[in-house]
Amino acid sequence: MPDAVLPVRSNSIYALVFLVLSFAAGPLLVYSLGTGTPPVVATPIETDAPAPISPADSPGSTGIEIDSHAQRVAMDARLTEARTEIHRLEQNIAGLREQQKQLQAAFAAHLERVTRTRAEAEASAEPAEEPQTNRPNGLENDLARLGAGPTERGRLVTLTEAELRFPVGRSELARESSDGLREIADVLAGHEGLVVRIEGHTDRSGSPSRNLALSQARARSVKDALVAMGIDADRIETEGLGETRPLADNDTAEARQRNRRVEVYLIAP
């Protein structure tokens, strides 16, 4: 009985060894055909130390890397958008500067045309003939023609009794006296800025009160004559001073005649 069992066991062992060699022969044959050298099979060494954990295998590492990558991608996108917007604004500014240059050039050309046209118009226009009285020296010429001398109170024209031809002791002007007053009226008409002060004077013949009244009446008569010639009454002021301001003493007829006078002051503004 024991002899019969032994061959069976030996056959089983041989079969197992054959199977192992069959499985190992395939890889060995492939490797030997590729390299010509049989591979060395490393036998793993068992150890109780835990295997090192790679960063990829650590808990939460994958999520952190994904978040960082997403943030970089978002920042790059925003940076790209900002650069694009800056480029667009720079182009707009360049366009506005070009428009400004064109507008300045157009304005300068327009101003030059206007200036040239105005200069041509002024050159072709004939100067208007100004009246002699409105020229800068017209007033001086007219006053000189009247014989009006300068004083602190204005330009003075003295009308003597002989020129005015007042009757003795009277204030009515004779018709012949209008010639001298007409020249004064012409100057006043040509120079509307002038105002007039008329002062009447007498000699010392008679009472002072009578002489004062006579001088006032004669000054008013001269004013009325100028108003009748077209001069505005508001431009004329009158005053009678009687015998208070004589030009000479009253000892001779000639001196008294000088004192009997009307003084016309032409006053410029």
C-alpha atoms as a PDB file:
ATOM      1  CA  MET A   1       0.000   0.000   0.000  1.00  0.00           C
ATOM      2  CA  PRO A   2       2.757   2.523   0.788  1.00  0.00           C
ATOM      3  CA  ASP A   3       4.574   1.613  -2.402  1.00  0.00           C
ATOM      4  CA  ALA A   4       1.593   2.524  -4.525  1.00  0.00           C
ATOM      5  CA  VAL A   5       1.152   5.979  -2.950  1.00  0.00           C
ATOM      6  CA  LEU A   6       4.727   7.149  -3.537  1.00  0.00           C
ATOM      7  CA  PRO A   7       4.612   7.171  -7.346  1.00  0.00           C
ATOM      8  CA  VAL A   8       1.473   9.169  -7.272  1.00  0.00           C
ATOM      9  CA  ARG A   9       3.015  11.823  -5.091  1.00  0.00           C
ATOM     10  CA  SER A  10       6.117  11.991  -7.242  1.00  0.00           C
ATOM     11  CA  ASN A  11       4.073  12.509 -10.343  1.00  0.00           C
ATOM     12  CA  SER A  12       2.186  15.368  -8.702  1.00  0.00           C
ATOM     13  CA  ILE A  13       5.398  17.144  -7.748  1.00  0.00           C
ATOM     14  CA  TYR A  14       6.796  16.778 -11.233  1.00  0.00           C
ATOM     15  CA  ALA A  15       3.611  18.172 -12.716  1.00  0.00           C
ATOM     16  CA  LEU A  16       3.727  21.230 -10.468  1.00  0.00           C
ATOM     17  CA  VAL A  17       7.375  21.896 -11.301  1.00  0.00           C
ATOM     18  CA  PHE A  18       6.583  21.636 -14.988  1.00  0.00           C
ATOM     19  CA  LEU A  19       3.806  24.166 -14.732  1.00  0.00           C
ATOM     20  CA  VAL A  20       6.015  26.678 -12.915  1.00  0.00           C
ATOM     21  CA  LEU A  21       8.772  26.264 -15.463  1.00  0.00           C
ATOM     22  CA  SER A  22       6.249  26.705 -18.290  1.00  0.00           C
ATOM     23  CA  PHE A  23       4.983  29.956 -16.896  1.00  0.00           C
ATOM     24  CA  ALA A  24       8.502  31.242 -16.300  1.00  0.00           C
ATOM     25  CA  ALA A  25       9.808  30.128 -19.648  1.00  0.00           C
ATOM     26  CA  GLY A  26       7.640  32.503 -21.623  1.00  0.00           C
ATOM     27  CA  PRO A  27       8.940  35.784 -20.125  1.00  0.00           C
ATOM     28  CA  LEU A  28      12.466  34.442 -20.049  1.00  0.00           C
ATOM     29  CA  LEU A  29      12.284  33.551 -23.699  1.00  0.00           C
ATOM     30  CA  VAL A  30      10.890  36.982 -24.689  1.00  0.00           C
ATOM     31  CA  TYR A  31      13.486  38.841 -22.681  1.00  0.00           C
ATOM     32  CA  SER A  32      16.303  36.645 -23.951  1.00  0.00           C
ATOM     33  CA  LEU A  33      15.242  37.235 -27.525  1.00  0.00           C
ATOM     34  CA  GLY A  34      15.136  41.035 -26.947  1.00  0.00           C
ATOM     35  CA  THR A  35      18.303  41.506 -24.943  1.00  0.00           C
ATOM     36  CA  GLY A  36      20.082  38.237 -25.036  1.00  0.00           C
ATOM     37  CA  THR A  37      20.522  38.406 -21.243  1.00  0.00           C
ATOM     38  CA  PRO A  38      18.193  36.778 -18.810  1.00  0.00           C
ATOM     39  CA  PRO A  39      16.531  39.255 -16.489  1.00  0.00           C
ATOM     40  CA  VAL A  40      17.447  39.446 -12.907  1.00  0.00           C
ATOM     41  CA  VAL A  41      14.374  39.168 -10.815  1.00  0.00           C
ATOM     42  CA  ALA A  42      14.638  41.382  -7.751  1.00  0.00           C
ATOM     43  CA  THR A  43      13.203  39.854  -4.725  1.00  0.00           C
ATOM     44  CA  PRO A  44      11.254  42.443  -2.739  1.00  0.00           C
ATOM     45  CA  ILE A  45      12.533  42.981   0.755  1.00  0.00           C
ATOM     46  CA  GLU A  46       9.857  43.045   3.242  1.00  0.00           C
ATOM     47  CA  THR A  47      10.083  45.841   5.839  1.00  0.00           C
ATOM     48  CA  ASP A  48       7.872  47.177   8.536  1.00  0.00           C
ATOM     49  CA  ALA A  49       8.509  50.921   7.575  1.00  0.00           C
ATOM     50  CA  PRO A  50       5.601  52.606   5.818  1.00  0.00           C
ATOM     51  CA  ALA A  51       6.072  53.556   2.187  1.00  0.00           C
ATOM     52  CA  PRO A  52       6.755  57.301   1.556  1.00  0.00           C
ATOM     53  CA  ILE A  53       3.721  59.266   0.608  1.00  0.00           C
ATOM     54  CA  SER A  54       4.155  61.319  -2.533  1.00  0.00           C
ATOM     55  CA  PRO A  55       2.686  64.878  -2.673  1.00  0.00           C
ATOM     56  CA  ALA A  56       0.188  63.626  -5.197  1.00  0.00           C
ATOM     57  CA  ASP A  57      -0.958  60.939  -2.754  1.00  0.00           C
ATOM     58  CA  SER A  58      -1.148  63.330   0.229  1.00  0.00           C
ATOM     59  CA  PRO A  59      -4.669  64.301   1.309  1.00  0.00           C
ATOM     60  CA  GLY A  60      -5.875  67.612  -0.229  1.00  0.00           C
ATOM     61  CA  SER A  61      -2.778  68.179  -2.429  1.00  0.00           C
ATOM     62  CA  THR A  62      -4.687  67.716  -5.656  1.00  0.00           C
ATOM     63  CA  GLY A  63      -7.307  70.301  -4.683  1.00  0.00           C
ATOM     64  CA  ILE A  64      -4.670  72.930  -3.747  1.00  0.00           C
ATOM     65  CA  GLU A  65      -2.837  72.523  -7.050  1.00  0.00           C
ATOM     66  CA  ILE A  66      -6.080  72.832  -8.973  1.00  0.00           C
ATOM     67  CA  ASP A  67      -7.046  76.036  -7.115  1.00  0.00           C
ATOM     68  CA  SER A  68      -3.633  77.619  -7.712  1.00  0.00           C
ATOM     69  CA  HIS A  69      -3.745  76.768 -11.370  1.00  0.00           C
ATOM     70  CA  ALA A  70      -7.255  78.197 -11.703  1.00  0.00           C
ATOM     71  CA  GLN A  71      -6.168  81.439 -10.005  1.00  0.00           C
ATOM     72  CA  ARG A  72      -3.193  81.811 -12.341  1.00  0.00           C
ATOM     73  CA  VAL A  73      -5.413  81.216 -15.343  1.00  0.00           C
ATOM     74  CA  ALA A  74      -7.918  83.846 -14.093  1.00  0.00           C
ATOM     75  CA  MET A  75      -5.165  86.405 -13.390  1.00  0.00           C
ATOM     76  CA  ASP A  76      -3.650  85.840 -16.826  1.00  0.00           C
ATOM     77  CA  ALA A  77      -7.070  86.364 -18.377  1.00  0.00           C
ATOM     78  CA  ARG A  78      -7.616  89.634 -16.478  1.00  0.00           C
ATOM     79  CA  LEU A  79      -4.130  90.828 -17.374  1.00  0.00           C
ATOM     80  CA  THR A  80      -4.797  90.096 -21.019  1.00  0.00           C
ATOM     81  CA  GLU A  81      -8.085  92.029 -20.864  1.00  0.00           C
ATOM     82  CA  ALA A  82      -6.359  94.996 -19.175  1.00  0.00           C
ATOM     83  CA  ARG A  83      -3.648  95.080 -21.831  1.00  0.00           C
ATOM     84  CA  THR A  84      -6.279  94.939 -24.539  1.00  0.00           C
ATOM     85  CA  GLU A  85      -8.188  97.845 -22.947  1.00  0.00           C
ATOM     86  CA  ILE A  86      -5.005  99.905 -22.569  1.00  0.00           C
ATOM     87  CA  HIS A  87      -4.191  99.337 -26.212  1.00  0.00           C
ATOM     88  CA  ARG A  88      -7.697 100.400 -27.204  1.00  0.00           C
ATOM     89  CA  LEU A  89      -7.465 103.589 -25.102  1.00  0.00           C
ATOM     90  CA  GLU A  90      -4.075 104.436 -26.560  1.00  0.00           C
ATOM     91  CA  GLN A  91      -5.540 104.134 -30.042  1.00  0.00           C
ATOM     92  CA  ASN A  92      -8.446 106.416 -29.061  1.00  0.00           C
ATOM     93  CA  ILE A  93      -6.075 109.020 -27.620  1.00  0.00           C
ATOM     94  CA  ALA A  94      -3.987 108.951 -30.779  1.00  0.00           C
ATOM     95  CA  GLY A  95      -7.133 109.473 -32.839  1.00  0.00           C
ATOM     96  CA  LEU A  96      -8.225 112.407 -30.674  1.00  0.00           C
ATOM     97  CA  ARG A  97      -4.818 114.044 -30.986  1.00  0.00           C
ATOM     98  CA  GLU A  98      -4.983 113.727 -34.727  1.00  0.00           C
ATOM     99  CA  GLN A  99      -8.449 115.322 -34.739  1.00  0.00           C
ATOM    100  CA  GLN A 100      -7.137 118.146 -32.556  1.00  0.00           C
ATOM    101  CA  LYS A 101      -4.316 118.826 -34.993  1.00  0.00           C
ATOM    102  CA  GLN A 102      -6.754 118.908 -37.892  1.00  0.00           C
ATOM    103  CA  LEU A 103      -9.083 121.312 -36.056  1.00  0.00           C
ATOM    104  CA  GLN A 104      -6.200 123.622 -35.139  1.00  0.00           C
ATOM    105  CA  ALA A 105      -5.004 123.670 -38.707  1.00  0.00           C
ATOM    106  CA  ALA A 106      -8.516 124.405 -39.988  1.00  0.00           C
ATOM    107  CA  PHE A 107      -8.989 127.225 -37.452  1.00  0.00           C
ATOM    108  CA  ALA A 108      -5.629 128.763 -38.338  1.00  0.00           C
ATOM    109  CA  ALA A 109      -6.514 128.662 -42.031  1.00  0.00           C
ATOM    110  CA  HIS A 110      -9.919 130.235 -41.353  1.00  0.00           C
ATOM    111  CA  LEU A 111      -8.380 132.985 -39.229  1.00  0.00           C
ATOM    112  CA  GLU A 112      -5.857 133.723 -41.934  1.00  0.00           C
ATOM    113  CA  ARG A 113      -8.617 134.003 -44.541  1.00  0.00           C
ATOM    114  CA  VAL A 114     -10.655 136.338 -42.329  1.00  0.00           C
ATOM    115  CA  THR A 115      -7.630 138.528 -41.624  1.00  0.00           C
ATOM    116  CA  ARG A 116      -6.695 138.685 -45.279  1.00  0.00           C
ATOM    117  CA  THR A 117     -10.255 139.522 -46.326  1.00  0.00           C
ATOM    118  CA  ARG A 118     -10.511 142.253 -43.711  1.00  0.00           C
ATOM    119  CA  ALA A 119      -7.188 143.737 -44.746  1.00  0.00           C
ATOM    120  CA  GLU A 120      -8.250 143.740 -48.396  1.00  0.00           C
ATOM    121  CA  ALA A 121     -11.567 145.368 -47.517  1.00  0.00           C
ATOM    122  CA  GLU A 122      -9.862 148.059 -45.472  1.00  0.00           C
ATOM    123  CA  ALA A 123      -7.338 148.682 -48.192  1.00  0.00           C
ATOM    124  CA  SER A 124     -10.004 149.042 -50.864  1.00  0.00           C
ATOM    125  CA  ALA A 125     -12.322 151.226 -48.774  1.00  0.00           C
ATOM    126  CA  GLU A 126     -11.930 154.960 -49.282  1.00  0.00           C
ATOM    127  CA  PRO A 127     -11.392 156.914 -46.064  1.00  0.00           C
ATOM    128  CA  ALA A 128     -14.393 158.997 -45.127  1.00  0.00           C
ATOM    129  CA  GLU A 129     -13.892 162.706 -45.237  1.00  0.00           C
ATOM    130  CA  GLU A 130     -14.192 164.059 -41.716  1.00  0.00           C
ATOM    131  CA  PRO A 131     -15.466 167.533 -41.066  1.00  0.00           C
ATOM    132  CA  GLN A 132     -12.808 169.955 -40.007  1.00  0.00           C
ATOM    133  CA  THR A 133     -14.468 170.449 -36.638  1.00  0.00           C
ATOM    134  CA  ASN A 134     -14.318 166.715 -35.797  1.00  0.00           C
ATOM    135  CA  ARG A 135     -10.635 166.331 -36.426  1.00  0.00           C
ATOM    136  CA  PRO A 136      -8.284 166.252 -33.439  1.00  0.00           C
ATOM    137  CA  ASN A 137      -7.002 169.770 -34.095  1.00  0.00           C
ATOM    138  CA  GLY A 138     -10.343 171.080 -35.362  1.00  0.00           C
ATOM    139  CA  LEU A 139     -11.380 172.542 -32.020  1.00  0.00           C
ATOM    140  CA  GLU A 140      -8.073 174.319 -31.549  1.00  0.00           C
ATOM    141  CA  ASN A 141      -8.314 175.762 -35.027  1.00  0.00           C
ATOM    142  CA  ASP A 142     -11.857 176.981 -34.430  1.00  0.00           C
ATOM    143  CA  LEU A 143     -10.986 178.500 -31.067  1.00  0.00           C
ATOM    144  CA  ALA A 144      -7.963 180.201 -32.567  1.00  0.00           C
ATOM    145  CA  ARG A 145     -10.149 181.634 -35.315  1.00  0.00           C
ATOM    146  CA  LEU A 146     -12.459 183.079 -32.660  1.00  0.00           C
ATOM    147  CA  GLY A 147      -9.520 184.568 -30.802  1.00  0.00           C
ATOM    148  CA  ALA A 148     -10.387 182.503 -27.702  1.00  0.00           C
ATOM    149  CA  GLY A 149      -7.506 182.680 -25.260  1.00  0.00           C
ATOM    150  CA  PRO A 150      -6.762 179.982 -22.671  1.00  0.00           C
ATOM    151  CA  THR A 151      -7.659 180.656 -19.040  1.00  0.00           C
ATOM    152  CA  GLU A 152      -8.111 178.538 -15.925  1.00  0.00           C
ATOM    153  CA  ARG A 153     -11.871 178.641 -16.494  1.00  0.00           C
ATOM    154  CA  GLY A 154     -11.877 177.741 -20.182  1.00  0.00           C
ATOM    155  CA  ARG A 155     -11.211 179.404 -23.528  1.00  0.00           C
ATOM    156  CA  LEU A 156     -12.300 183.043 -23.310  1.00  0.00           C
ATOM    157  CA  VAL A 157     -13.907 185.168 -26.009  1.00  0.00           C
ATOM    158  CA  THR A 158     -14.429 188.775 -24.933  1.00  0.00           C
ATOM    159  CA  LEU A 159     -17.252 190.706 -26.623  1.00  0.00           C
ATOM    160  CA  THR A 160     -16.931 194.419 -26.082  1.00  0.00           C
ATOM    161  CA  GLU A 161     -19.781 196.873 -25.901  1.00  0.00           C
ATOM    162  CA  ALA A 162     -18.788 198.194 -29.319  1.00  0.00           C
ATOM    163  CA  GLU A 163     -19.053 194.670 -30.794  1.00  0.00           C
ATOM    164  CA  LEU A 164     -22.374 193.929 -29.160  1.00  0.00           C
ATOM    165  CA  ARG A 165     -23.691 197.453 -29.714  1.00  0.00           C
ATOM    166  CA  PHE A 166     -25.853 197.606 -26.664  1.00  0.00           C
ATOM    167  CA  PRO A 167     -27.668 200.912 -26.371  1.00  0.00           C
ATOM    168  CA  VAL A 168     -26.454 202.963 -23.408  1.00  0.00           C
ATOM    169  CA  GLY A 169     -27.945 201.561 -20.226  1.00  0.00           C
ATOM    170  CA  ARG A 170     -29.929 198.926 -22.161  1.00  0.00           C
ATOM    171  CA  SER A 171     -29.614 195.148 -22.704  1.00  0.00           C
ATOM    172  CA  GLU A 172     -31.152 194.741 -26.162  1.00  0.00           C
ATOM    173  CA  LEU A 173     -28.754 193.471 -28.794  1.00  0.00           C
ATOM    174  CA  ALA A 174     -28.551 195.319 -32.047  1.00  0.00           C
ATOM    175  CA  ARG A 175     -29.144 193.385 -35.226  1.00  0.00           C
ATOM    176  CA  GLU A 176     -25.613 194.068 -36.424  1.00  0.00           C
ATOM    177  CA  SER A 177     -24.095 192.315 -33.397  1.00  0.00           C
ATOM    178  CA  SER A 178     -25.242 188.877 -34.581  1.00  0.00           C
ATOM    179  CA  ASP A 179     -22.185 188.349 -36.810  1.00  0.00           C
ATOM    180  CA  GLY A 180     -19.773 187.759 -33.937  1.00  0.00           C
ATOM    181  CA  LEU A 181     -22.258 185.596 -32.087  1.00  0.00           C
ATOM    182  CA  ARG A 182     -22.824 183.530 -35.245  1.00  0.00           C
ATOM    183  CA  GLU A 183     -19.173 182.478 -35.260  1.00  0.00           C
ATOM    184  CA  ILE A 184     -19.464 181.351 -31.638  1.00  0.00           C
ATOM    185  CA  ALA A 185     -22.652 179.457 -32.435  1.00  0.00           C
ATOM    186  CA  ASP A 186     -20.926 177.672 -35.362  1.00  0.00           C
ATOM    187  CA  VAL A 187     -18.105 176.460 -33.101  1.00  0.00           C
ATOM    188  CA  LEU A 188     -20.611 175.247 -30.494  1.00  0.00           C
ATOM    189  CA  ALA A 189     -22.600 173.425 -33.169  1.00  0.00           C
ATOM    190  CA  GLY A 190     -19.480 171.692 -34.460  1.00  0.00           C
ATOM    191  CA  HIS A 191     -18.314 170.628 -30.995  1.00  0.00           C
ATOM    192  CA  GLU A 192     -21.265 169.387 -29.026  1.00  0.00           C
ATOM    193  CA  GLY A 193     -19.139 168.622 -25.987  1.00  0.00           C
ATOM    194  CA  LEU A 194     -18.486 172.285 -25.353  1.00  0.00           C
ATOM    195  CA  VAL A 195     -20.493 174.156 -22.732  1.00  0.00           C
ATOM    196  CA  VAL A 196     -20.719 177.928 -22.365  1.00  0.00           C
ATOM    197  CA  ARG A 197     -20.561 180.310 -19.445  1.00  0.00           C
ATOM    198  CA  ILE A 198     -21.586 183.913 -20.221  1.00  0.00           C
ATOM    199  CA  GLU A 199     -20.652 186.670 -17.747  1.00  0.00           C
ATOM    200  CA  GLY A 200     -21.887 190.279 -18.005  1.00  0.00           C
ATOM    201  CA  HIS A 201     -19.752 193.214 -16.727  1.00  0.00           C
ATOM    202  CA  THR A 202     -20.290 196.988 -16.407  1.00  0.00           C
ATOM    203  CA  ASP A 203     -18.280 200.029 -15.388  1.00  0.00           C
ATOM    204  CA  ARG A 204     -18.856 201.947 -12.156  1.00  0.00           C
ATOM    205  CA  SER A 205     -21.227 204.488 -13.619  1.00  0.00           C
ATOM    206  CA  GLY A 206     -24.513 204.345 -11.712  1.00  0.00           C
ATOM    207  CA  SER A 207     -25.399 202.390  -8.631  1.00  0.00           C
ATOM    208  CA  PRO A 208     -23.931 198.917  -8.003  1.00  0.00           C
ATOM    209  CA  SER A 209     -27.410 197.334  -7.885  1.00  0.00           C
ATOM    210  CA  ARG A 210     -28.382 198.848 -11.207  1.00  0.00           C
ATOM    211  CA  ASN A 211     -25.083 197.776 -12.759  1.00  0.00           C
ATOM    212  CA  LEU A 212     -25.565 194.219 -11.444  1.00  0.00           C
ATOM    213  CA  ALA A 213     -29.047 193.963 -12.938  1.00  0.00           C
ATOM    214  CA  LEU A 214     -27.823 195.430 -16.248  1.00  0.00           C
ATOM    215  CA  SER A 215     -24.946 192.923 -16.457  1.00  0.00           C
ATOM    216  CA  GLN A 216     -27.303 190.018 -15.789  1.00  0.00           C
ATOM    217  CA  ALA A 217     -29.747 191.224 -18.459  1.00  0.00           C
ATOM    218  CA  ARG A 218     -26.987 191.610 -21.048  1.00  0.00           C
ATOM    219  CA  ALA A 219     -25.640 188.103 -20.339  1.00  0.00           C
ATOM    220  CA  ARG A 220     -29.160 186.679 -20.816  1.00  0.00           C
ATOM    221  CA  SER A 221     -29.504 188.581 -24.106  1.00  0.00           C
ATOM    222  CA  VAL A 222     -26.367 186.919 -25.464  1.00  0.00           C
ATOM    223  CA  LYS A 223     -27.673 183.504 -24.357  1.00  0.00           C
ATOM    224  CA  ASP A 224     -31.033 184.131 -26.050  1.00  0.00           C
ATOM    225  CA  ALA A 225     -29.236 185.042 -29.278  1.00  0.00           C
ATOM    226  CA  LEU A 226     -27.221 181.774 -29.236  1.00  0.00           C
ATOM    227  CA  VAL A 227     -30.353 179.715 -28.483  1.00  0.00           C
ATOM    228  CA  ALA A 228     -32.084 181.389 -31.421  1.00  0.00           C
ATOM    229  CA  MET A 229     -29.185 180.177 -33.575  1.00  0.00           C
ATOM    230  CA  GLY A 230     -29.813 176.535 -32.587  1.00  0.00           C
ATOM    231  CA  ILE A 231     -27.665 176.044 -29.487  1.00  0.00           C
ATOM    232  CA  ASP A 232     -29.257 174.050 -26.668  1.00  0.00           C
ATOM    233  CA  ALA A 233     -30.098 176.312 -23.742  1.00  0.00           C
ATOM    234  CA  ASP A 234     -28.954 173.626 -21.278  1.00  0.00           C
ATOM    235  CA  ARG A 235     -25.398 174.081 -22.515  1.00  0.00           C
ATOM    236  CA  ILE A 236     -25.365 177.788 -21.601  1.00  0.00           C
ATOM    237  CA  GLU A 237     -24.946 179.292 -18.139  1.00  0.00           C
ATOM    238  CA  THR A 238     -25.207 183.037 -17.440  1.00  0.00           C
ATOM    239  CA  GLU A 239     -24.163 185.303 -14.579  1.00  0.00           C
ATOM    240  CA  GLY A 240     -24.059 189.080 -14.071  1.00  0.00           C
ATOM    241  CA  LEU A 241     -21.114 190.447 -12.079  1.00  0.00           C
ATOM    242  CA  GLY A 242     -21.799 194.169 -12.436  1.00  0.00           C
ATOM    243  CA  GLU A 243     -18.811 196.387 -11.684  1.00  0.00           C
ATOM    244  CA  THR A 244     -17.001 193.915  -9.421  1.00  0.00           C
ATOM    245  CA  ARG A 245     -14.370 192.764 -11.929  1.00  0.00           C
ATOM    246  CA  PRO A 246     -13.118 195.716 -13.945  1.00  0.00           C
ATOM    247  CA  LEU A 247     -10.321 195.353 -16.477  1.00  0.00           C
ATOM    248  CA  ALA A 248      -9.143 198.919 -15.944  1.00  0.00           C
ATOM    249  CA  ASP A 249      -9.870 201.884 -13.716  1.00  0.00           C
ATOM    250  CA  ASN A 250     -12.909 204.020 -14.470  1.00  0.00           C
ATOM    251  CA  ASP A 251     -11.055 207.325 -14.746  1.00  0.00           C
ATOM    252  CA  THR A 252     -11.263 207.605 -18.536  1.00  0.00           C
ATOM    253  CA  ALA A 253     -13.946 206.921 -21.110  1.00  0.00           C
ATOM    254  CA  GLU A 254     -11.721 204.395 -22.801  1.00  0.00           C
ATOM    255  CA  ALA A 255     -11.213 202.477 -19.555  1.00  0.00           C
ATOM    256  CA  ARG A 256     -14.916 202.497 -18.786  1.00  0.00           C
ATOM    257  CA  GLN A 257     -15.655 201.196 -22.269  1.00  0.00           C
ATOM    258  CA  ARG A 258     -13.280 198.243 -21.709  1.00  0.00           C
ATOM    259  CA  ASN A 259     -15.073 197.419 -18.503  1.00  0.00           C
ATOM    260  CA  ARG A 260     -18.456 197.273 -20.238  1.00  0.00           C
ATOM    261  CA  ARG A 261     -18.180 193.834 -21.826  1.00  0.00           C
ATOM    262  CA  VAL A 262     -19.577 190.307 -22.026  1.00  0.00           C
ATOM    263  CA  GLU A 263     -17.175 187.406 -21.523  1.00  0.00           C
ATOM    264  CA  VAL A 264     -17.970 184.031 -23.167  1.00  0.00           C
ATOM    265  CA  TYR A 265     -16.084 181.002 -21.744  1.00  0.00           C
ATOM    266  CA  LEU A 266     -16.025 177.920 -23.958  1.00  0.00           C
ATOM    267  CA  ILE A 267     -15.418 174.942 -21.670  1.00  0.00           C
ATOM    268  CA  ALA A 268     -14.455 171.527 -22.983  1.00  0.00           C
ATOM    269  CA  PRO A 269     -15.458 168.422 -20.987  1.00  0.00           C
END
